[in-house]
PDB file of all heavy atoms in Angstrom:
ATOM      1  N   GLN A   1      82.174 121.980  91.542  1.00  0.00           N
ATOM      2  CA  GLN A   1      81.655 120.728  90.989  1.00  0.00           C
ATOM      3  C   GLN A   1      80.182 120.564  91.339  1.00  0.00           C
ATOM      4  O   GLN A   1      79.365 120.197  90.491  1.00  0.00           O
ATOM      5  CB  GLN A   1      82.458 119.534  91.519  1.00  0.00           C
ATOM      6  CG  GLN A   1      83.897 119.533  91.063  1.00  0.00           C
ATOM      7  CD  GLN A   1      84.737 118.539  91.842  1.00  0.00           C
ATOM      8  OE1 GLN A   1      84.493 118.286  93.025  1.00  0.00           O
ATOM      9  NE2 GLN A   1      85.739 117.987  91.185  1.00  0.00           N
ATOM     10  N   LEU A   2      79.845 120.834  92.594  1.00  0.00           N
ATOM     11  CA  LEU A   2      78.459 120.734  93.026  1.00  0.00           C
ATOM     12  C   LEU A   2      77.573 121.726  92.277  1.00  0.00           C
ATOM     13  O   LEU A   2      76.477 121.385  91.826  1.00  0.00           O
ATOM     14  CB  LEU A   2      78.341 120.961  94.533  1.00  0.00           C
ATOM     15  CG  LEU A   2      76.936 120.902  95.120  1.00  0.00           C
ATOM     16  CD1 LEU A   2      76.302 119.532  94.881  1.00  0.00           C
ATOM     17  CD2 LEU A   2      76.960 121.239  96.601  1.00  0.00           C
ATOM     18  N   ILE A   3      78.054 122.935  92.100  1.00  0.00           N
ATOM     19  CA  ILE A   3      77.300 123.947  91.362  1.00  0.00           C
ATOM     20  C   ILE A   3      77.081 123.483  89.923  1.00  0.00           C
ATOM     21  O   ILE A   3      75.995 123.657  89.360  1.00  0.00           O
ATOM     22  CB  ILE A   3      78.019 125.316  91.421  1.00  0.00           C
ATOM     23  CG1 ILE A   3      77.920 125.881  92.840  1.00  0.00           C
ATOM     24  CG2 ILE A   3      77.437 126.299  90.409  1.00  0.00           C
ATOM     25  CD1 ILE A   3      78.810 127.083  93.098  1.00  0.00           C
ATOM     26  N   GLY A   4      78.093 122.857  89.329  1.00  0.00           N
ATOM     27  CA  GLY A   4      77.945 122.326  87.971  1.00  0.00           C
ATOM     28  C   GLY A   4      76.833 121.306  87.872  1.00  0.00           C
ATOM     29  O   GLY A   4      76.011 121.339  86.948  1.00  0.00           O
ATOM     30  N   VAL A   5      76.773 120.389  88.840  1.00  0.00           N
ATOM     31  CA  VAL A   5      75.701 119.393  88.857  1.00  0.00           C
ATOM     32  C   VAL A   5      74.346 120.068  89.051  1.00  0.00           C
ATOM     33  O   VAL A   5      73.364 119.739  88.375  1.00  0.00           O
ATOM     34  CB  VAL A   5      75.948 118.320  89.947  1.00  0.00           C
ATOM     35  CG1 VAL A   5      74.751 117.393  90.091  1.00  0.00           C
ATOM     36  CG2 VAL A   5      77.206 117.516  89.636  1.00  0.00           C
ATOM     37  N   LEU A   6      74.280 121.034  89.950  1.00  0.00           N
ATOM     38  CA  LEU A   6      73.018 121.735  90.202  1.00  0.00           C
ATOM     39  C   LEU A   6      72.557 122.540  88.985  1.00  0.00           C
ATOM     40  O   LEU A   6      71.350 122.639  88.714  1.00  0.00           O
ATOM     41  CB  LEU A   6      73.138 122.623  91.435  1.00  0.00           C
ATOM     42  CG  LEU A   6      73.324 121.878  92.760  1.00  0.00           C
ATOM     43  CD1 LEU A   6      73.539 122.864  93.900  1.00  0.00           C
ATOM     44  CD2 LEU A   6      72.159 120.947  93.046  1.00  0.00           C
ATOM     45  N   ILE A   7      73.491 123.079  88.227  1.00  0.00           N
ATOM     46  CA  ILE A   7      73.129 123.793  86.997  1.00  0.00           C
ATOM     47  C   ILE A   7      72.519 122.820  85.993  1.00  0.00           C
ATOM     48  O   ILE A   7      71.536 123.139  85.311  1.00  0.00           O
ATOM     49  CB  ILE A   7      74.355 124.527  86.403  1.00  0.00           C
ATOM     50  CG1 ILE A   7      74.690 125.734  87.269  1.00  0.00           C
ATOM     51  CG2 ILE A   7      74.107 124.941  84.950  1.00  0.00           C
ATOM     52  CD1 ILE A   7      75.995 126.414  86.907  1.00  0.00           C
ATOM     53  N   ILE A   8      73.071 121.629  85.906  1.00  0.00           N
ATOM     54  CA  ILE A   8      72.506 120.616  85.008  1.00  0.00           C
ATOM     55  C   ILE A   8      71.098 120.240  85.455  1.00  0.00           C
ATOM     56  O   ILE A   8      70.177 120.118  84.638  1.00  0.00           O
ATOM     57  CB  ILE A   8      73.421 119.380  84.935  1.00  0.00           C
ATOM     58  CG1 ILE A   8      74.733 119.755  84.242  1.00  0.00           C
ATOM     59  CG2 ILE A   8      72.740 118.241  84.190  1.00  0.00           C
ATOM     60  CD1 ILE A   8      75.797 118.699  84.308  1.00  0.00           C
ATOM     61  N   VAL A   9      70.891 120.077  86.763  1.00  0.00           N
ATOM     62  CA  VAL A   9      69.553 119.789  87.292  1.00  0.00           C
ATOM     63  C   VAL A   9      68.598 120.924  86.923  1.00  0.00           C
ATOM     64  O   VAL A   9      67.469 120.692  86.486  1.00  0.00           O
ATOM     65  CB  VAL A   9      69.591 119.562  88.821  1.00  0.00           C
ATOM     66  CG1 VAL A   9      68.190 119.504  89.405  1.00  0.00           C
ATOM     67  CG2 VAL A   9      70.362 118.292  89.150  1.00  0.00           C
ATOM     68  N   GLY A  10      69.074 122.168  87.066  1.00  0.00           N
ATOM     69  CA  GLY A  10      68.254 123.314  86.668  1.00  0.00           C
ATOM     70  C   GLY A  10      67.913 123.270  85.190  1.00  0.00           C
ATOM     71  O   GLY A  10      66.787 123.591  84.787  1.00  0.00           O
ATOM     72  N   GLY A  11      68.856 122.868  84.377  1.00  0.00           N
ATOM     73  CA  GLY A  11      68.608 122.738  82.943  1.00  0.00           C
ATOM     74  C   GLY A  11      67.541 121.709  82.637  1.00  0.00           C
ATOM     75  O   GLY A  11      66.693 121.906  81.751  1.00  0.00           O
ATOM     76  N   ILE A  12      67.555 120.610  83.370  1.00  0.00           N
ATOM     77  CA  ILE A  12      66.527 119.573  83.181  1.00  0.00           C
ATOM     78  C   ILE A  12      65.162 120.141  83.545  1.00  0.00           C
ATOM     79  O   ILE A  12      64.171 119.917  82.840  1.00  0.00           O
ATOM     80  CB  ILE A  12      66.849 118.322  84.023  1.00  0.00           C
ATOM     81  CG1 ILE A  12      68.101 117.637  83.477  1.00  0.00           C
ATOM     82  CG2 ILE A  12      65.670 117.356  84.037  1.00  0.00           C
ATOM     83  CD1 ILE A  12      68.642 116.552  84.365  1.00  0.00           C
ATOM     84  N   LEU A  13      65.101 120.882  84.643  1.00  0.00           N
ATOM     85  CA  LEU A  13      63.824 121.475  85.057  1.00  0.00           C
ATOM     86  C   LEU A  13      63.321 122.476  84.014  1.00  0.00           C
ATOM     87  O   LEU A  13      62.130 122.492  83.683  1.00  0.00           O
ATOM     88  CB  LEU A  13      63.966 122.136  86.428  1.00  0.00           C
ATOM     89  CG  LEU A  13      64.200 121.173  87.590  1.00  0.00           C
ATOM     90  CD1 LEU A  13      64.490 121.945  88.873  1.00  0.00           C
ATOM     91  CD2 LEU A  13      63.019 120.238  87.775  1.00  0.00           C
ATOM     92  N   VAL A  14      64.220 123.284  83.484  1.00  0.00           N
ATOM     93  CA  VAL A  14      63.828 124.229  82.437  1.00  0.00           C
ATOM     94  C   VAL A  14      63.345 123.471  81.211  1.00  0.00           C
ATOM     95  O   VAL A  14      62.329 123.813  80.602  1.00  0.00           O
ATOM     96  CB  VAL A  14      65.002 125.169  82.073  1.00  0.00           C
ATOM     97  CG1 VAL A  14      64.721 125.946  80.801  1.00  0.00           C
ATOM     98  CG2 VAL A  14      65.297 126.114  83.223  1.00  0.00           C
ATOM     99  N   PHE A  15      64.050 122.411  80.854  1.00  0.00           N
ATOM    100  CA  PHE A  15      63.666 121.602  79.702  1.00  0.00           C
ATOM    101  C   PHE A  15      62.275 121.012  79.891  1.00  0.00           C
ATOM    102  O   PHE A  15      61.426 121.070  79.005  1.00  0.00           O
ATOM    103  CB  PHE A  15      64.692 120.477  79.495  1.00  0.00           C
ATOM    104  CG  PHE A  15      64.272 119.467  78.469  1.00  0.00           C
ATOM    105  CD1 PHE A  15      64.438 119.727  77.125  1.00  0.00           C
ATOM    106  CD2 PHE A  15      63.705 118.254  78.857  1.00  0.00           C
ATOM    107  CE1 PHE A  15      64.048 118.809  76.176  1.00  0.00           C
ATOM    108  CE2 PHE A  15      63.313 117.332  77.910  1.00  0.00           C
ATOM    109  CZ  PHE A  15      63.483 117.601  76.576  1.00  0.00           C
ATOM    110  N   LYS A  16      62.038 120.448  81.052  1.00  0.00           N
ATOM    111  CA  LYS A  16      60.768 119.755  81.295  1.00  0.00           C
ATOM    112  C   LYS A  16      59.623 120.729  81.548  1.00  0.00           C
ATOM    113  O   LYS A  16      58.527 120.543  81.042  1.00  0.00           O
ATOM    114  CB  LYS A  16      60.912 118.784  82.472  1.00  0.00           C
ATOM    115  CG  LYS A  16      59.681 117.947  82.718  1.00  0.00           C
ATOM    116  CD  LYS A  16      59.354 117.065  81.529  1.00  0.00           C
ATOM    117  CE  LYS A  16      58.145 116.216  81.795  1.00  0.00           C
ATOM    118  NZ  LYS A  16      57.670 115.520  80.629  1.00  0.00           N
ATOM    119  N   LEU A  17      59.846 121.739  82.340  1.00  0.00           N
ATOM    120  CA  LEU A  17      58.762 122.627  82.744  1.00  0.00           C
ATOM    121  C   LEU A  17      58.632 123.866  81.858  1.00  0.00           C
ATOM    122  O   LEU A  17      57.563 124.468  81.791  1.00  0.00           O
ATOM    123  CB  LEU A  17      58.971 123.068  84.195  1.00  0.00           C
ATOM    124  CG  LEU A  17      59.085 121.928  85.209  1.00  0.00           C
ATOM    125  CD1 LEU A  17      59.419 122.480  86.582  1.00  0.00           C
ATOM    126  CD2 LEU A  17      57.822 121.092  85.245  1.00  0.00           C
ATOM    127  N   GLY A  18      59.704 124.252  81.194  1.00  0.00           N
ATOM    128  CA  GLY A  18      59.698 125.495  80.436  1.00  0.00           C
ATOM    129  C   GLY A  18      58.994 125.433  79.099  1.00  0.00           C
ATOM    130  O   GLY A  18      58.611 126.451  78.551  1.00  0.00           O
ATOM    131  N   GLY A  19      58.794 124.243  78.544  1.00  0.00           N
ATOM    132  CA  GLY A  19      58.209 124.143  77.211  1.00  0.00           C
ATOM    133  C   GLY A  19      56.714 123.979  77.200  1.00  0.00           C
ATOM    134  O   GLY A  19      56.108 123.829  76.152  1.00  0.00           O
ATOM    135  N   LYS A  20      56.056 124.010  78.353  1.00  0.00           N
ATOM    136  CA  LYS A  20      54.618 123.802  78.403  1.00  0.00           C
ATOM    137  C   LYS A  20      53.897 125.061  77.959  1.00  0.00           C
ATOM    138  O   LYS A  20      54.264 126.164  78.302  1.00  0.00           O
ATOM    139  CB  LYS A  20      54.173 123.431  79.812  1.00  0.00           C
ATOM    140  CG  LYS A  20      54.666 122.072  80.232  1.00  0.00           C
ATOM    141  CD  LYS A  20      54.108 121.692  81.575  1.00  0.00           C
ATOM    142  CE  LYS A  20      54.605 120.298  81.937  1.00  0.00           C
ATOM    143  NZ  LYS A  20      54.069 119.837  83.174  1.00  0.00           N
ATOM    144  N   SER A  21      52.841 124.856  77.186  1.00  0.00           N
ATOM    145  CA  SER A  21      52.015 125.986  76.779  1.00  0.00           C
ATOM    146  C   SER A  21      50.559 125.553  76.842  1.00  0.00           C
ATOM    147  O   SER A  21      50.240 124.375  76.847  1.00  0.00           O
ATOM    148  CB  SER A  21      52.379 126.443  75.373  1.00  0.00           C
ATOM    149  OG  SER A  21      52.001 125.466  74.430  1.00  0.00           O
ATOM    150  N   ASP A  22      49.681 126.529  76.885  1.00  0.00           N
ATOM    151  CA  ASP A  22      48.257 126.226  76.950  1.00  0.00           C
ATOM    152  C   ASP A  22      47.647 126.049  75.570  1.00  0.00           C
ATOM    153  O   ASP A  22      46.484 125.694  75.449  1.00  0.00           O
ATOM    154  CB  ASP A  22      47.513 127.350  77.686  1.00  0.00           C
ATOM    155  CG  ASP A  22      47.888 127.380  79.164  1.00  0.00           C
ATOM    156  OD1 ASP A  22      48.279 126.319  79.687  1.00  0.00           O
ATOM    157  OD2 ASP A  22      47.801 128.461  79.776  1.00  0.00           O
ATOM    158  N   ALA A  23      48.419 126.306  74.515  1.00  0.00           N
ATOM    159  CA  ALA A  23      47.892 126.163  73.163  1.00  0.00           C
ATOM    160  C   ALA A  23      47.641 124.696  72.867  1.00  0.00           C
ATOM    161  O   ALA A  23      48.454 123.836  73.180  1.00  0.00           O
ATOM    162  CB  ALA A  23      48.881 126.744  72.163  1.00  0.00           C
ATOM    163  N   LYS A  24      46.512 124.407  72.271  1.00  0.00           N
ATOM    164  CA  LYS A  24      46.179 123.032  71.916  1.00  0.00           C
ATOM    165  C   LYS A  24      46.725 122.732  70.542  1.00  0.00           C
ATOM    166  O   LYS A  24      46.605 123.543  69.631  1.00  0.00           O
ATOM    167  CB  LYS A  24      44.676 122.824  71.958  1.00  0.00           C
ATOM    168  CG  LYS A  24      44.136 123.023  73.355  1.00  0.00           C
ATOM    169  CD  LYS A  24      42.752 122.466  73.453  1.00  0.00           C
ATOM    170  CE  LYS A  24      42.250 122.773  74.846  1.00  0.00           C
ATOM    171  NZ  LYS A  24      41.649 121.686  75.477  1.00  0.00           N
ATOM    172  N   GLU A  25      47.301 121.561  70.399  1.00  0.00           N
ATOM    173  CA  GLU A  25      47.857 121.158  69.123  1.00  0.00           C
ATOM    174  C   GLU A  25      46.799 120.429  68.324  1.00  0.00           C
ATOM    175  O   GLU A  25      46.012 119.666  68.872  1.00  0.00           O
ATOM    176  CB  GLU A  25      49.051 120.230  69.347  1.00  0.00           C
ATOM    177  CG  GLU A  25      50.184 120.905  70.090  1.00  0.00           C
ATOM    178  CD  GLU A  25      51.321 119.939  70.392  1.00  0.00           C
ATOM    179  OE1 GLU A  25      51.323 118.827  69.837  1.00  0.00           O
ATOM    180  OE2 GLU A  25      52.181 120.300  71.195  1.00  0.00           O
ATOM    181  N   PRO A  26      46.790 120.614  66.999  1.00  0.00           N
ATOM    182  CA  PRO A  26      45.825 119.886  66.181  1.00  0.00           C
ATOM    183  C   PRO A  26      46.141 118.399  66.155  1.00  0.00           C
ATOM    184  O   PRO A  26      47.263 117.996  66.438  1.00  0.00           O
ATOM    185  CB  PRO A  26      45.972 120.517  64.798  1.00  0.00           C
ATOM    186  CG  PRO A  26      47.282 121.225  64.804  1.00  0.00           C
ATOM    187  CD  PRO A  26      47.586 121.555  66.236  1.00  0.00           C
ATOM    188  N   ALA A  27      45.129 117.604  65.826  1.00  0.00           N
ATOM    189  CA  ALA A  27      45.289 116.154  65.772  1.00  0.00           C
ATOM    190  C   ALA A  27      46.396 115.777  64.816  1.00  0.00           C
ATOM    191  O   ALA A  27      46.555 116.385  63.764  1.00  0.00           O
ATOM    192  CB  ALA A  27      43.983 115.496  65.338  1.00  0.00           C
TER     193      ALA A  27
END
């Protein structure tokens, strides 16, 4: 159960931190 919760926390971190890129988006 604890591992399941920690996997979800890991998923949130991947979601938040994994999508960042240095490419600039147009206006």
